[in-house]
Amino acid sequence: MQNLKKIWQTLGYIQRNKAVETLEWEYVELEHVFALLTMGFLTGLTSPPMHISLELLPLMEKELILMSEKVDTAASPLSELFSVLDVG
């Protein structure tokens, strides 16, 4: 009976971990969708009204920092070398 209880507890622990990982992944994807909706004009999508975008801008701080870091690393000599050599 103890072994069955341990197995049941282990299965519960695994399922909780999978549920948390799935929720974290969905949260990250929702952040990406949010960023695309608010900053979509950079990719050619129609943008929401300007006052809504300006109100949401403080919430986009992490995405804006990430975007500026990507722009900085995209022009670095090492990244240009990797893109020429097709390393990835």
PDB file of N, CA and C in Angstrom:
ATOM      1  N   MET A   1       0.819  -1.195   0.000  1.00  0.00           N
ATOM      2  CA  MET A   1       0.000   0.000   0.000  1.00  0.00           C
ATOM      3  C   MET A   1       0.865   1.262   0.000  1.00  0.00           C
ATOM      4  N   GLN A   2       1.991   1.215   0.731  1.00  0.00           N
ATOM      5  CA  GLN A   2       2.900   2.364   0.778  1.00  0.00           C
ATOM      6  C   GLN A   2       3.512   2.640  -0.602  1.00  0.00           C
ATOM      7  N   ASN A   3       3.863   1.551  -1.312  1.00  0.00           N
ATOM      8  CA  ASN A   3       4.430   1.733  -2.646  1.00  0.00           C
ATOM      9  C   ASN A   3       3.433   2.378  -3.588  1.00  0.00           C
ATOM     10  N   LEU A   4       2.177   1.972  -3.496  1.00  0.00           N
ATOM     11  CA  LEU A   4       1.135   2.548  -4.333  1.00  0.00           C
ATOM     12  C   LEU A   4       0.941   4.027  -4.018  1.00  0.00           C
ATOM     13  N   LYS A   5       1.022   4.368  -2.729  1.00  0.00           N
ATOM     14  CA  LYS A   5       0.901   5.763  -2.321  1.00  0.00           C
ATOM     15  C   LYS A   5       2.069   6.588  -2.848  1.00  0.00           C
ATOM     16  N   LYS A   6       3.289   6.041  -2.794  1.00  0.00           N
ATOM     17  CA  LYS A   6       4.466   6.745  -3.310  1.00  0.00           C
ATOM     18  C   LYS A   6       4.362   6.945  -4.818  1.00  0.00           C
ATOM     19  N   ILE A   7       3.894   5.916  -5.516  1.00  0.00           N
ATOM     20  CA  ILE A   7       3.732   6.032  -6.976  1.00  0.00           C
ATOM     21  C   ILE A   7       2.705   7.116  -7.293  1.00  0.00           C
ATOM     22  N   TRP A   8       1.597   7.125  -6.561  1.00  0.00           N
ATOM     23  CA  TRP A   8       0.553   8.115  -6.788  1.00  0.00           C
ATOM     24  C   TRP A   8       1.075   9.529  -6.517  1.00  0.00           C
ATOM     25  N   GLN A   9       1.845   9.710  -5.463  1.00  0.00           N
ATOM     26  CA  GLN A   9       2.421  11.013  -5.151  1.00  0.00           C
ATOM     27  C   GLN A   9       3.416  11.445  -6.229  1.00  0.00           C
ATOM     28  N   THR A  10       4.213  10.494  -6.712  1.00  0.00           N
ATOM     29  CA  THR A  10       5.173  10.809  -7.773  1.00  0.00           C
ATOM     30  C   THR A  10       4.456  11.233  -9.045  1.00  0.00           C
ATOM     31  N   LEU A  11       3.398  10.512  -9.405  1.00  0.00           N
ATOM     32  CA  LEU A  11       2.630  10.885 -10.596  1.00  0.00           C
ATOM     33  C   LEU A  11       1.990  12.264 -10.437  1.00  0.00           C
ATOM     34  N   GLY A  12       1.501  12.553  -9.254  1.00  0.00           N
ATOM     35  CA  GLY A  12       0.931  13.878  -8.998  1.00  0.00           C
ATOM     36  C   GLY A  12       1.970  14.969  -9.131  1.00  0.00           C
ATOM     37  N   TYR A  13       3.173  14.707  -8.613  1.00  0.00           N
ATOM     38  CA  TYR A  13       4.259  15.677  -8.710  1.00  0.00           C
ATOM     39  C   TYR A  13       4.643  15.930 -10.171  1.00  0.00           C
ATOM     40  N   ILE A  14       4.728  14.869 -10.962  1.00  0.00           N
ATOM     41  CA  ILE A  14       5.079  15.002 -12.381  1.00  0.00           C
ATOM     42  C   ILE A  14       4.013  15.807 -13.123  1.00  0.00           C
ATOM     43  N   GLN A  15       2.750  15.516 -12.859  1.00  0.00           N
ATOM     44  CA  GLN A  15       1.664  16.227 -13.528  1.00  0.00           C
ATOM     45  C   GLN A  15       1.638  17.708 -13.145  1.00  0.00           C
ATOM     46  N   ARG A  16       1.905  18.013 -11.886  1.00  0.00           N
ATOM     47  CA  ARG A  16       1.950  19.421 -11.478  1.00  0.00           C
ATOM     48  C   ARG A  16       3.087  20.147 -12.171  1.00  0.00           C
ATOM     49  N   ASN A  17       4.248  19.492 -12.293  1.00  0.00           N
ATOM     50  CA  ASN A  17       5.370  20.121 -12.980  1.00  0.00           C
ATOM     51  C   ASN A  17       5.053  20.366 -14.451  1.00  0.00           C
ATOM     52  N   LYS A  18       4.421  19.387 -15.090  1.00  0.00           N
ATOM     53  CA  LYS A  18       4.053  19.565 -16.497  1.00  0.00           C
ATOM     54  C   LYS A  18       3.042  20.692 -16.649  1.00  0.00           C
ATOM     55  N   ALA A  19       2.104  20.799 -15.722  1.00  0.00           N
ATOM     56  CA  ALA A  19       1.106  21.864 -15.786  1.00  0.00           C
ATOM     57  C   ALA A  19       1.764  23.228 -15.636  1.00  0.00           C
ATOM     58  N   VAL A  20       2.715  23.340 -14.717  1.00  0.00           N
ATOM     59  CA  VAL A  20       3.418  24.608 -14.520  1.00  0.00           C
ATOM     60  C   VAL A  20       4.234  24.954 -15.757  1.00  0.00           C
ATOM     61  N   GLU A  21       4.932  23.989 -16.326  1.00  0.00           N
ATOM     62  CA  GLU A  21       5.721  24.245 -17.537  1.00  0.00           C
ATOM     63  C   GLU A  21       4.827  24.681 -18.684  1.00  0.00           C
ATOM     64  N   THR A  22       3.667  24.065 -18.827  1.00  0.00           N
ATOM     65  CA  THR A  22       2.742  24.441 -19.888  1.00  0.00           C
ATOM     66  C   THR A  22       2.223  25.855 -19.678  1.00  0.00           C
ATOM     67  N   LEU A  23       1.887  26.205 -18.439  1.00  0.00           N
ATOM     68  CA  LEU A  23       1.417  27.565 -18.157  1.00  0.00           C
ATOM     69  C   LEU A  23       2.507  28.599 -18.399  1.00  0.00           C
ATOM     70  N   GLU A  24       3.747  28.285 -18.053  1.00  0.00           N
ATOM     71  CA  GLU A  24       4.849  29.209 -18.304  1.00  0.00           C
ATOM     72  C   GLU A  24       5.050  29.410 -19.797  1.00  0.00           C
ATOM     73  N   TRP A  25       4.968  28.340 -20.580  1.00  0.00           N
ATOM     74  CA  TRP A  25       5.119  28.443 -22.025  1.00  0.00           C
ATOM     75  C   TRP A  25       3.992  29.290 -22.619  1.00  0.00           C
ATOM     76  N   GLU A  26       2.758  29.052 -22.155  1.00  0.00           N
ATOM     77  CA  GLU A  26       1.630  29.832 -22.651  1.00  0.00           C
ATOM     78  C   GLU A  26       1.776  31.304 -22.284  1.00  0.00           C
ATOM     79  N   TYR A  27       2.289  31.589 -21.099  1.00  0.00           N
ATOM     80  CA  TYR A  27       2.498  32.971 -20.671  1.00  0.00           C
ATOM     81  C   TYR A  27       3.504  33.670 -21.587  1.00  0.00           C
ATOM     82  N   VAL A  28       4.590  32.988 -21.908  1.00  0.00           N
ATOM     83  CA  VAL A  28       5.590  33.567 -22.800  1.00  0.00           C
ATOM     84  C   VAL A  28       4.999  33.805 -24.187  1.00  0.00           C
ATOM     85  N   GLU A  29       4.209  32.858 -24.680  1.00  0.00           N
ATOM     86  CA  GLU A  29       3.590  33.026 -25.992  1.00  0.00           C
ATOM     87  C   GLU A  29       2.584  34.175 -25.987  1.00  0.00           C
ATOM     88  N   LEU A  30       1.849  34.330 -24.895  1.00  0.00           N
ATOM     89  CA  LEU A  30       0.923  35.454 -24.800  1.00  0.00           C
ATOM     90  C   LEU A  30       1.665  36.783 -24.776  1.00  0.00           C
ATOM     91  N   GLU A  31       2.826  36.809 -24.134  1.00  0.00           N
ATOM     92  CA  GLU A  31       3.647  38.025 -24.178  1.00  0.00           C
ATOM     93  C   GLU A  31       4.082  38.333 -25.599  1.00  0.00           C
ATOM     94  N   HIS A  32       4.426  37.305 -26.370  1.00  0.00           N
ATOM     95  CA  HIS A  32       4.821  37.523 -27.757  1.00  0.00           C
ATOM     96  C   HIS A  32       3.657  38.050 -28.587  1.00  0.00           C
ATOM     97  N   VAL A  33       2.475  37.496 -28.371  1.00  0.00           N
ATOM     98  CA  VAL A  33       1.294  37.978 -29.090  1.00  0.00           C
ATOM     99  C   VAL A  33       0.992  39.416 -28.699  1.00  0.00           C
ATOM    100  N   PHE A  34       1.115  39.705 -27.413  1.00  0.00           N
ATOM    101  CA  PHE A  34       0.904  41.066 -26.935  1.00  0.00           C
ATOM    102  C   PHE A  34       1.894  42.027 -27.595  1.00  0.00           C
ATOM    103  N   ALA A  35       3.151  41.621 -27.665  1.00  0.00           N
ATOM    104  CA  ALA A  35       4.158  42.462 -28.297  1.00  0.00           C
ATOM    105  C   ALA A  35       3.855  42.659 -29.773  1.00  0.00           C
ATOM    106  N   LEU A  36       3.414  41.620 -30.440  1.00  0.00           N
ATOM    107  CA  LEU A  36       3.092  41.736 -31.856  1.00  0.00           C
ATOM    108  C   LEU A  36       1.893  42.647 -32.080  1.00  0.00           C
ATOM    109  N   LEU A  37       0.915  42.572 -31.196  1.00  0.00           N
ATOM    110  CA  LEU A  37      -0.257  43.439 -31.338  1.00  0.00           C
ATOM    111  C   LEU A  37       0.095  44.900 -31.117  1.00  0.00           C
ATOM    112  N   THR A  38       0.930  45.173 -30.117  1.00  0.00           N
ATOM    113  CA  THR A  38       1.241  46.565 -29.812  1.00  0.00           C
ATOM    114  C   THR A  38       2.356  47.137 -30.676  1.00  0.00           C
ATOM    115  N   MET A  39       3.280  46.303 -31.112  1.00  0.00           N
ATOM    116  CA  MET A  39       4.398  46.784 -31.927  1.00  0.00           C
ATOM    117  C   MET A  39       4.339  46.221 -33.345  1.00  0.00           C
ATOM    118  N   GLY A  40       3.184  45.741 -33.751  1.00  0.00           N
ATOM    119  CA  GLY A  40       3.039  45.102 -35.054  1.00  0.00           C
ATOM    120  C   GLY A  40       3.261  46.021 -36.229  1.00  0.00           C
ATOM    121  N   PHE A  41       3.182  47.330 -36.012  1.00  0.00           N
ATOM    122  CA  PHE A  41       3.404  48.253 -37.121  1.00  0.00           C
ATOM    123  C   PHE A  41       4.825  48.137 -37.664  1.00  0.00           C
ATOM    124  N   LEU A  42       5.744  47.626 -36.853  1.00  0.00           N
ATOM    125  CA  LEU A  42       7.114  47.435 -37.327  1.00  0.00           C
ATOM    126  C   LEU A  42       7.217  46.300 -38.341  1.00  0.00           C
ATOM    127  N   THR A  43       6.264  45.379 -38.299  1.00  0.00           N
ATOM    128  CA  THR A  43       6.268  44.255 -39.234  1.00  0.00           C
ATOM    129  C   THR A  43       5.230  44.411 -40.334  1.00  0.00           C
ATOM    130  N   GLY A  44       4.501  45.523 -40.331  1.00  0.00           N
ATOM    131  CA  GLY A  44       3.536  45.771 -41.388  1.00  0.00           C
ATOM    132  C   GLY A  44       2.107  45.441 -41.011  1.00  0.00           C
ATOM    133  N   LEU A  45       1.863  45.039 -39.777  1.00  0.00           N
ATOM    134  CA  LEU A  45       0.492  44.785 -39.337  1.00  0.00           C
ATOM    135  C   LEU A  45      -0.177  46.102 -38.981  1.00  0.00           C
ATOM    136  N   THR A  46      -1.481  46.120 -39.073  1.00  0.00           N
ATOM    137  CA  THR A  46      -2.180  47.333 -38.649  1.00  0.00           C
ATOM    138  C   THR A  46      -2.041  47.476 -37.146  1.00  0.00           C
ATOM    139  N   SER A  47      -1.871  48.685 -36.713  1.00  0.00           N
ATOM    140  CA  SER A  47      -1.630  48.917 -35.288  1.00  0.00           C
ATOM    141  C   SER A  47      -2.912  49.356 -34.600  1.00  0.00           C
ATOM    142  N   PRO A  48      -2.978  49.105 -33.310  1.00  0.00           N
ATOM    143  CA  PRO A  48      -4.131  49.603 -32.553  1.00  0.00           C
ATOM    144  C   PRO A  48      -4.062  51.122 -32.471  1.00  0.00           C
ATOM    145  N   PRO A  49      -5.117  51.765 -32.011  1.00  0.00           N
ATOM    146  CA  PRO A  49      -5.080  53.227 -31.867  1.00  0.00           C
ATOM    147  C   PRO A  49      -3.889  53.673 -31.017  1.00  0.00           C
ATOM    148  N   MET A  50      -3.362  54.828 -31.339  1.00  0.00           N
ATOM    149  CA  MET A  50      -2.126  55.302 -30.714  1.00  0.00           C
ATOM    150  C   MET A  50      -2.263  55.452 -29.204  1.00  0.00           C
ATOM    151  N   HIS A  51      -3.401  55.937 -28.714  1.00  0.00           N
ATOM    152  CA  HIS A  51      -3.523  56.134 -27.270  1.00  0.00           C
ATOM    153  C   HIS A  51      -3.484  54.798 -26.527  1.00  0.00           C
ATOM    154  N   ILE A  52      -3.980  53.738 -27.140  1.00  0.00           N
ATOM    155  CA  ILE A  52      -3.902  52.413 -26.513  1.00  0.00           C
ATOM    156  C   ILE A  52      -2.461  51.927 -26.506  1.00  0.00           C
ATOM    157  N   SER A  53      -1.761  52.119 -27.618  1.00  0.00           N
ATOM    158  CA  SER A  53      -0.351  51.708 -27.684  1.00  0.00           C
ATOM    159  C   SER A  53       0.491  52.451 -26.659  1.00  0.00           C
ATOM    160  N   LEU A  54       0.236  53.748 -26.496  1.00  0.00           N
ATOM    161  CA  LEU A  54       1.010  54.526 -25.526  1.00  0.00           C
ATOM    162  C   LEU A  54       0.700  54.110 -24.089  1.00  0.00           C
ATOM    163  N   GLU A  55      -0.547  53.726 -23.821  1.00  0.00           N
ATOM    164  CA  GLU A  55      -0.870  53.259 -22.482  1.00  0.00           C
ATOM    165  C   GLU A  55      -0.228  51.905 -22.189  1.00  0.00           C
ATOM    166  N   LEU A  56      -0.075  51.082 -23.213  1.00  0.00           N
ATOM    167  CA  LEU A  56       0.506  49.753 -23.026  1.00  0.00           C
ATOM    168  C   LEU A  56       2.034  49.764 -23.078  1.00  0.00           C
ATOM    169  N   LEU A  57       2.614  50.853 -23.498  1.00  0.00           N
ATOM    170  CA  LEU A  57       4.065  50.926 -23.652  1.00  0.00           C
ATOM    171  C   LEU A  57       4.841  50.591 -22.384  1.00  0.00           C
ATOM    172  N   PRO A  58       4.437  51.051 -21.189  1.00  0.00           N
ATOM    173  CA  PRO A  58       5.192  50.658 -19.985  1.00  0.00           C
ATOM    174  C   PRO A  58       5.202  49.148 -19.750  1.00  0.00           C
ATOM    175  N   LEU A  59       4.161  48.461 -20.196  1.00  0.00           N
ATOM    176  CA  LEU A  59       4.117  47.015 -20.034  1.00  0.00           C
ATOM    177  C   LEU A  59       5.038  46.300 -21.009  1.00  0.00           C
ATOM    178  N   MET A  60       5.513  47.017 -22.007  1.00  0.00           N
ATOM    179  CA  MET A  60       6.348  46.429 -23.053  1.00  0.00           C
ATOM    180  C   MET A  60       7.834  46.628 -22.781  1.00  0.00           C
ATOM    181  N   GLU A  61       8.190  47.049 -21.598  1.00  0.00           N
ATOM    182  CA  GLU A  61       9.589  47.370 -21.299  1.00  0.00           C
ATOM    183  C   GLU A  61      10.526  46.203 -21.579  1.00  0.00           C
ATOM    184  N   LYS A  62      10.167  45.014 -21.118  1.00  0.00           N
ATOM    185  CA  LYS A  62      11.035  43.849 -21.301  1.00  0.00           C
ATOM    186  C   LYS A  62      11.207  43.522 -22.786  1.00  0.00           C
ATOM    187  N   GLU A  63      10.112  43.603 -23.542  1.00  0.00           N
ATOM    188  CA  GLU A  63      10.195  43.301 -24.968  1.00  0.00           C
ATOM    189  C   GLU A  63      11.011  44.337 -25.722  1.00  0.00           C
ATOM    190  N   LEU A  64      10.887  45.604 -25.327  1.00  0.00           N
ATOM    191  CA  LEU A  64      11.673  46.648 -25.989  1.00  0.00           C
ATOM    192  C   LEU A  64      13.166  46.486 -25.708  1.00  0.00           C
ATOM    193  N   ILE A  65      13.501  46.120 -24.475  1.00  0.00           N
ATOM    194  CA  ILE A  65      14.908  45.876 -24.143  1.00  0.00           C
ATOM    195  C   ILE A  65      15.433  44.692 -24.935  1.00  0.00           C
ATOM    196  N   LEU A  66      14.650  43.631 -25.023  1.00  0.00           N
ATOM    197  CA  LEU A  66      15.053  42.458 -25.793  1.00  0.00           C
ATOM    198  C   LEU A  66      15.237  42.805 -27.266  1.00  0.00           C
ATOM    199  N   MET A  67      14.313  43.610 -27.810  1.00  0.00           N
ATOM    200  CA  MET A  67      14.417  44.001 -29.212  1.00  0.00           C
ATOM    201  C   MET A  67      15.680  44.825 -29.463  1.00  0.00           C
ATOM    202  N   SER A  68      15.988  45.747 -28.556  1.00  0.00           N
ATOM    203  CA  SER A  68      17.197  46.552 -28.749  1.00  0.00           C
ATOM    204  C   SER A  68      18.462  45.707 -28.609  1.00  0.00           C
ATOM    205  N   GLU A  69      18.443  44.704 -27.720  1.00  0.00           N
ATOM    206  CA  GLU A  69      19.597  43.799 -27.612  1.00  0.00           C
ATOM    207  C   GLU A  69      19.762  42.970 -28.878  1.00  0.00           C
ATOM    208  N   LYS A  70      18.659  42.530 -29.455  1.00  0.00           N
ATOM    209  CA  LYS A  70      18.728  41.752 -30.698  1.00  0.00           C
ATOM    210  C   LYS A  70      19.270  42.603 -31.829  1.00  0.00           C
ATOM    211  N   VAL A  71      18.868  43.866 -31.873  1.00  0.00           N
ATOM    212  CA  VAL A  71      19.372  44.762 -32.915  1.00  0.00           C
ATOM    213  C   VAL A  71      20.872  44.974 -32.735  1.00  0.00           C
ATOM    214  N   ASP A  72      21.315  45.131 -31.476  1.00  0.00           N
ATOM    215  CA  ASP A  72      22.744  45.318 -31.214  1.00  0.00           C
ATOM    216  C   ASP A  72      23.558  44.092 -31.615  1.00  0.00           C
ATOM    217  N   THR A  73      23.067  42.900 -31.283  1.00  0.00           N
ATOM    218  CA  THR A  73      23.829  41.696 -31.603  1.00  0.00           C
ATOM    219  C   THR A  73      23.710  41.319 -33.078  1.00  0.00           C
ATOM    220  N   ALA A  74      22.662  41.781 -33.748  1.00  0.00           N
ATOM    221  CA  ALA A  74      22.501  41.450 -35.165  1.00  0.00           C
ATOM    222  C   ALA A  74      23.573  42.122 -36.009  1.00  0.00           C
ATOM    223  N   ALA A  75      24.082  43.255 -35.559  1.00  0.00           N
ATOM    224  CA  ALA A  75      25.088  43.973 -36.331  1.00  0.00           C
ATOM    225  C   ALA A  75      26.515  43.688 -35.858  1.00  0.00           C
ATOM    226  N   SER A  76      26.687  42.793 -34.912  1.00  0.00           N
ATOM    227  CA  SER A  76      28.030  42.521 -34.422  1.00  0.00           C
ATOM    228  C   SER A  76      28.809  41.675 -35.433  1.00  0.00           C
ATOM    229  N   PRO A  77      30.115  41.825 -35.482  1.00  0.00           N
ATOM    230  CA  PRO A  77      30.918  41.075 -36.458  1.00  0.00           C
ATOM    231  C   PRO A  77      30.815  39.558 -36.288  1.00  0.00           C
ATOM    232  N   LEU A  78      30.711  39.102 -35.049  1.00  0.00           N
ATOM    233  CA  LEU A  78      30.625  37.665 -34.814  1.00  0.00           C
ATOM    234  C   LEU A  78      29.326  37.089 -35.379  1.00  0.00           C
ATOM    235  N   SER A  79      28.218  37.802 -35.191  1.00  0.00           N
ATOM    236  CA  SER A  79      26.952  37.308 -35.726  1.00  0.00           C
ATOM    237  C   SER A  79      26.954  37.352 -37.259  1.00  0.00           C
ATOM    238  N   GLU A  80      27.602  38.351 -37.844  1.00  0.00           N
ATOM    239  CA  GLU A  80      27.716  38.399 -39.303  1.00  0.00           C
ATOM    240  C   GLU A  80      28.546  37.221 -39.816  1.00  0.00           C
ATOM    241  N   LEU A  81      29.606  36.878 -39.084  1.00  0.00           N
ATOM    242  CA  LEU A  81      30.442  35.748 -39.468  1.00  0.00           C
ATOM    243  C   LEU A  81      29.647  34.446 -39.410  1.00  0.00           C
ATOM    244  N   PHE A  82      28.858  34.245 -38.341  1.00  0.00           N
ATOM    245  CA  PHE A  82      28.046  33.044 -38.233  1.00  0.00           C
ATOM    246  C   PHE A  82      26.982  32.978 -39.310  1.00  0.00           C
ATOM    247  N   SER A  83      26.415  34.124 -39.690  1.00  0.00           N
ATOM    248  CA  SER A  83      25.394  34.089 -40.736  1.00  0.00           C
ATOM    249  C   SER A  83      26.013  33.790 -42.083  1.00  0.00           C
ATOM    250  N   VAL A  84      27.238  34.254 -42.319  1.00  0.00           N
ATOM    251  CA  VAL A  84      27.919  33.954 -43.587  1.00  0.00           C
ATOM    252  C   VAL A  84      28.301  32.490 -43.655  1.00  0.00           C
ATOM    253  N   LEU A  85      28.766  31.928 -42.530  1.00  0.00           N
ATOM    254  CA  LEU A  85      29.198  30.536 -42.501  1.00  0.00           C
ATOM    255  C   LEU A  85      28.037  29.555 -42.338  1.00  0.00           C
ATOM    256  N   ASP A  86      26.832  30.093 -42.154  1.00  0.00           N
ATOM    257  CA  ASP A  86      25.626  29.277 -41.989  1.00  0.00           C
ATOM    258  C   ASP A  86      25.778  28.294 -40.822  1.00  0.00           C
ATOM    259  N   VAL A  87      26.240  28.814 -39.689  1.00  0.00           N
ATOM    260  CA  VAL A  87      26.365  28.035 -38.475  1.00  0.00           C
ATOM    261  C   VAL A  87      25.109  28.252 -37.665  1.00  0.00           C
ATOM    262  N   GLY A  88      24.468  27.203 -37.216  1.00  0.00           N
ATOM    263  CA  GLY A  88      23.280  27.453 -36.428  1.00  0.00           C
ATOM    264  C   GLY A  88      22.734  26.226 -35.937  1.00  0.00           C
TER     265      GLY A  88
END
